[in-house]
Amino acid sequence: SKKPVYHDYMSIYQKVTDGIRSLSYSLNPPDLESGISDGIKKFFLRMDQVSPTNFIYEINDSKSIAILVDTTKSYHLYRIVQEFVNNSLKHSEATEIKVRLEVVDNRFEMKVEDNGNGFDENLTIYGSGLQNMKDRCRLSSMDFDLKTSLNNGTMISVSFEPDL
């Protein structure tokens, strides 16, 4: 009668390890293992293959980016990009989504934009995704800016200067 007990234990163990695996996957996307530039590049290449939408990335000075952007910021930036892409694919009918990462005058800047139908910022339908992005920026001391209007696409910019 020991066998069923062992079996139950194994299936519980399996569930727990699966849970931990998916949790750690979501906490630290494998894409980020070699930094934010590489992570976003991988994400965009993958999206470009599976989506009719055109995904374009531009990364200027990945060395400086690697120095400025720590693990926490990388994680939040990656999630913000995912959120933007998600919203864009779901609502905007965009044919193109672009991301640009660069360092200008020692300031890191990430811009993500689509050429979709934009939206009225006051409509709550976009509320939670937008709020998530803003929260992530606040949590990791980054500035968030959004430009959008009906039929003019949407652009977000996330930036910060290093703490001295």
Protein backbone atom coordinates (compact mmCIF):
# COMPACT_ATOMS: atom_id res chain seq x y z
CA SER A 1 0.00 0.00 0.00
CA LYS A 2 3.04 2.28 -0.06
CA LYS A 3 2.96 2.66 -3.83
CA PRO A 4 -0.15 4.88 -4.18
CA VAL A 5 1.19 7.23 -1.50
CA TYR A 6 4.47 7.52 -3.35
CA HIS A 7 2.55 8.05 -6.59
CA ASP A 8 0.45 10.85 -5.07
CA TYR A 9 3.56 12.47 -3.74
CA MET A 10 5.17 12.34 -7.18
CA SER A 11 2.20 13.91 -8.89
CA ILE A 12 2.06 16.70 -6.31
CA TYR A 13 5.80 17.20 -6.70
CA GLN A 14 5.36 17.37 -10.48
CA LYS A 15 2.63 20.01 -10.15
CA VAL A 16 4.76 22.07 -7.80
CA THR A 17 7.84 21.94 -10.03
CA ASP A 18 5.73 22.79 -13.09
CA GLY A 19 4.29 25.71 -11.16
CA ILE A 20 7.70 26.94 -10.12
CA ARG A 21 9.00 26.55 -13.65
CA SER A 22 6.22 28.61 -15.18
CA LEU A 23 6.49 31.18 -12.41
CA SER A 24 10.23 31.63 -12.87
CA TYR A 25 9.67 31.73 -16.63
CA SER A 26 7.23 34.57 -16.16
CA LEU A 27 9.44 36.34 -13.60
CA ASN A 28 12.54 36.12 -15.74
CA PRO A 29 11.76 35.68 -19.40
CA PRO A 30 14.49 33.51 -20.97
CA ASP A 31 14.82 36.22 -23.62
CA LEU A 32 16.41 38.46 -21.01
CA GLU A 33 19.31 36.16 -20.17
CA SER A 34 21.69 38.19 -22.30
CA GLY A 35 20.20 41.61 -21.58
CA ILE A 36 17.41 43.90 -22.69
CA SER A 37 18.66 44.62 -26.24
CA ASP A 38 18.96 40.96 -27.10
CA GLY A 39 15.72 40.13 -25.31
CA ILE A 40 13.64 42.63 -27.23
CA LYS A 41 15.33 41.67 -30.48
CA LYS A 42 14.44 37.98 -29.90
CA PHE A 43 10.87 38.88 -28.94
CA PHE A 44 10.40 41.03 -32.06
CA LEU A 45 11.93 38.44 -34.39
CA ARG A 46 9.62 35.80 -32.94
CA MET A 47 6.54 38.02 -33.21
CA ASP A 48 7.45 38.95 -36.76
CA GLN A 49 7.45 35.27 -37.73
CA VAL A 50 4.07 34.45 -36.23
CA SER A 51 2.15 37.63 -36.91
CA PRO A 52 0.98 39.30 -40.13
CA THR A 53 1.97 42.57 -38.45
CA ASN A 54 5.44 43.82 -39.33
CA PHE A 55 7.78 43.95 -36.32
CA ILE A 56 10.77 46.27 -36.62
CA TYR A 57 13.47 46.85 -34.05
CA GLU A 58 16.31 49.33 -33.95
CA ILE A 59 18.95 49.21 -31.26
CA ASN A 60 21.61 51.89 -31.09
CA ASP A 61 24.66 51.49 -28.88
CA SER A 62 23.81 48.23 -27.13
CA LYS A 63 27.03 48.55 -25.07
CA SER A 64 25.83 51.73 -23.34
CA ILE A 65 22.36 50.25 -23.00
CA ALA A 66 23.81 47.21 -21.24
CA ILE A 67 25.65 49.47 -18.80
CA LEU A 68 22.65 51.69 -18.02
CA VAL A 69 19.85 49.14 -17.82
CA ASP A 70 19.95 46.87 -14.78
CA THR A 71 18.08 43.59 -14.35
CA THR A 72 15.03 45.15 -12.72
CA LYS A 73 14.63 47.81 -15.37
CA SER A 74 15.22 45.22 -18.11
CA TYR A 75 12.40 43.12 -16.74
CA HIS A 76 9.97 46.04 -16.59
CA LEU A 77 10.96 47.32 -20.04
CA TYR A 78 10.43 43.87 -21.51
CA ARG A 79 7.01 43.58 -19.90
CA ILE A 80 6.04 47.07 -21.10
CA VAL A 81 6.95 46.10 -24.66
CA GLN A 82 4.90 42.90 -24.33
CA GLU A 83 1.95 44.87 -22.98
CA PHE A 84 2.18 47.40 -25.80
CA VAL A 85 2.40 44.67 -28.44
CA ASN A 86 -0.49 42.83 -26.85
CA ASN A 87 -2.70 45.96 -26.82
CA SER A 88 -1.68 46.87 -30.32
CA LEU A 89 -2.45 43.46 -31.80
CA LYS A 90 -5.72 43.30 -29.93
CA HIS A 91 -7.08 46.77 -30.65
CA SER A 92 -5.16 48.84 -33.18
CA GLU A 93 -5.28 46.99 -36.52
CA ALA A 94 -1.70 48.17 -37.00
CA THR A 95 0.33 46.76 -39.88
CA GLU A 96 3.58 47.75 -38.21
CA ILE A 97 5.01 47.85 -34.69
CA LYS A 98 8.41 49.43 -34.10
CA VAL A 99 10.71 49.55 -31.12
CA ARG A 100 13.83 51.67 -30.74
CA LEU A 101 16.33 51.47 -27.90
CA GLU A 102 19.08 54.03 -27.59
CA VAL A 103 21.17 56.12 -25.27
CA VAL A 104 21.14 59.86 -25.93
CA ASP A 105 23.25 62.18 -23.76
CA ASN A 106 23.59 59.47 -21.12
CA ARG A 107 19.81 59.06 -21.05
CA PHE A 108 18.31 55.69 -21.93
CA GLU A 109 15.26 55.88 -24.15
CA MET A 110 12.91 53.25 -25.50
CA LYS A 111 10.20 54.13 -27.98
CA VAL A 112 7.53 51.69 -29.08
CA GLU A 113 5.01 52.72 -31.70
CA ASP A 114 2.42 51.32 -34.03
CA ASN A 115 0.69 52.73 -37.10
CA GLY A 116 -2.72 51.57 -35.91
CA ASN A 117 -5.92 53.45 -35.35
CA GLY A 118 -4.87 55.03 -32.06
CA PHE A 119 -7.37 55.76 -29.34
CA ASP A 120 -8.92 58.33 -27.12
CA GLU A 121 -6.91 58.23 -23.91
CA ASN A 122 -10.04 58.84 -21.88
CA LEU A 123 -11.66 55.59 -22.94
CA THR A 124 -11.36 53.01 -20.18
CA ILE A 125 -11.11 50.04 -22.56
CA TYR A 126 -7.35 50.71 -22.68
CA GLY A 127 -7.18 51.36 -18.97
CA SER A 128 -5.53 48.34 -17.43
CA GLY A 129 -2.77 47.80 -19.97
CA LEU A 130 -1.86 51.45 -19.87
CA GLN A 131 -1.99 51.51 -16.08
CA ASN A 132 0.31 48.47 -15.93
CA MET A 133 2.88 50.26 -18.08
CA LYS A 134 2.71 53.40 -15.95
CA ASP A 135 2.97 51.37 -12.73
CA ARG A 136 6.03 49.53 -14.01
CA CYS A 137 7.71 52.82 -14.84
CA ARG A 138 6.90 54.29 -11.47
CA LEU A 139 8.16 51.17 -9.68
CA SER A 140 11.48 51.25 -11.47
CA SER A 141 11.97 55.05 -11.57
CA MET A 142 11.51 55.49 -15.30
CA ASP A 143 9.60 58.24 -17.08
CA PHE A 144 6.60 57.24 -19.16
CA ASP A 145 5.09 59.19 -22.00
CA LEU A 146 2.21 58.31 -24.30
CA LYS A 147 1.16 59.94 -27.54
CA THR A 148 -1.94 58.72 -29.29
CA SER A 149 -5.01 60.02 -31.01
CA LEU A 150 -7.69 58.51 -33.18
CA ASN A 151 -6.32 57.30 -36.53
CA ASN A 152 -2.79 58.45 -35.72
CA GLY A 153 -1.25 55.37 -34.16
CA THR A 154 0.16 55.10 -30.68
CA MET A 155 3.62 55.75 -29.33
CA ILE A 156 5.04 55.25 -25.88
CA SER A 157 8.38 56.42 -24.67
CA VAL A 158 10.12 55.11 -21.56
CA SER A 159 13.29 56.81 -20.42
CA PHE A 160 15.57 57.48 -17.50
CA GLU A 161 18.92 58.88 -16.53
CA PRO A 162 21.28 56.78 -14.45
CA ASP A 163 21.48 57.47 -10.72
CA LEU A 164 24.82 58.96 -9.94
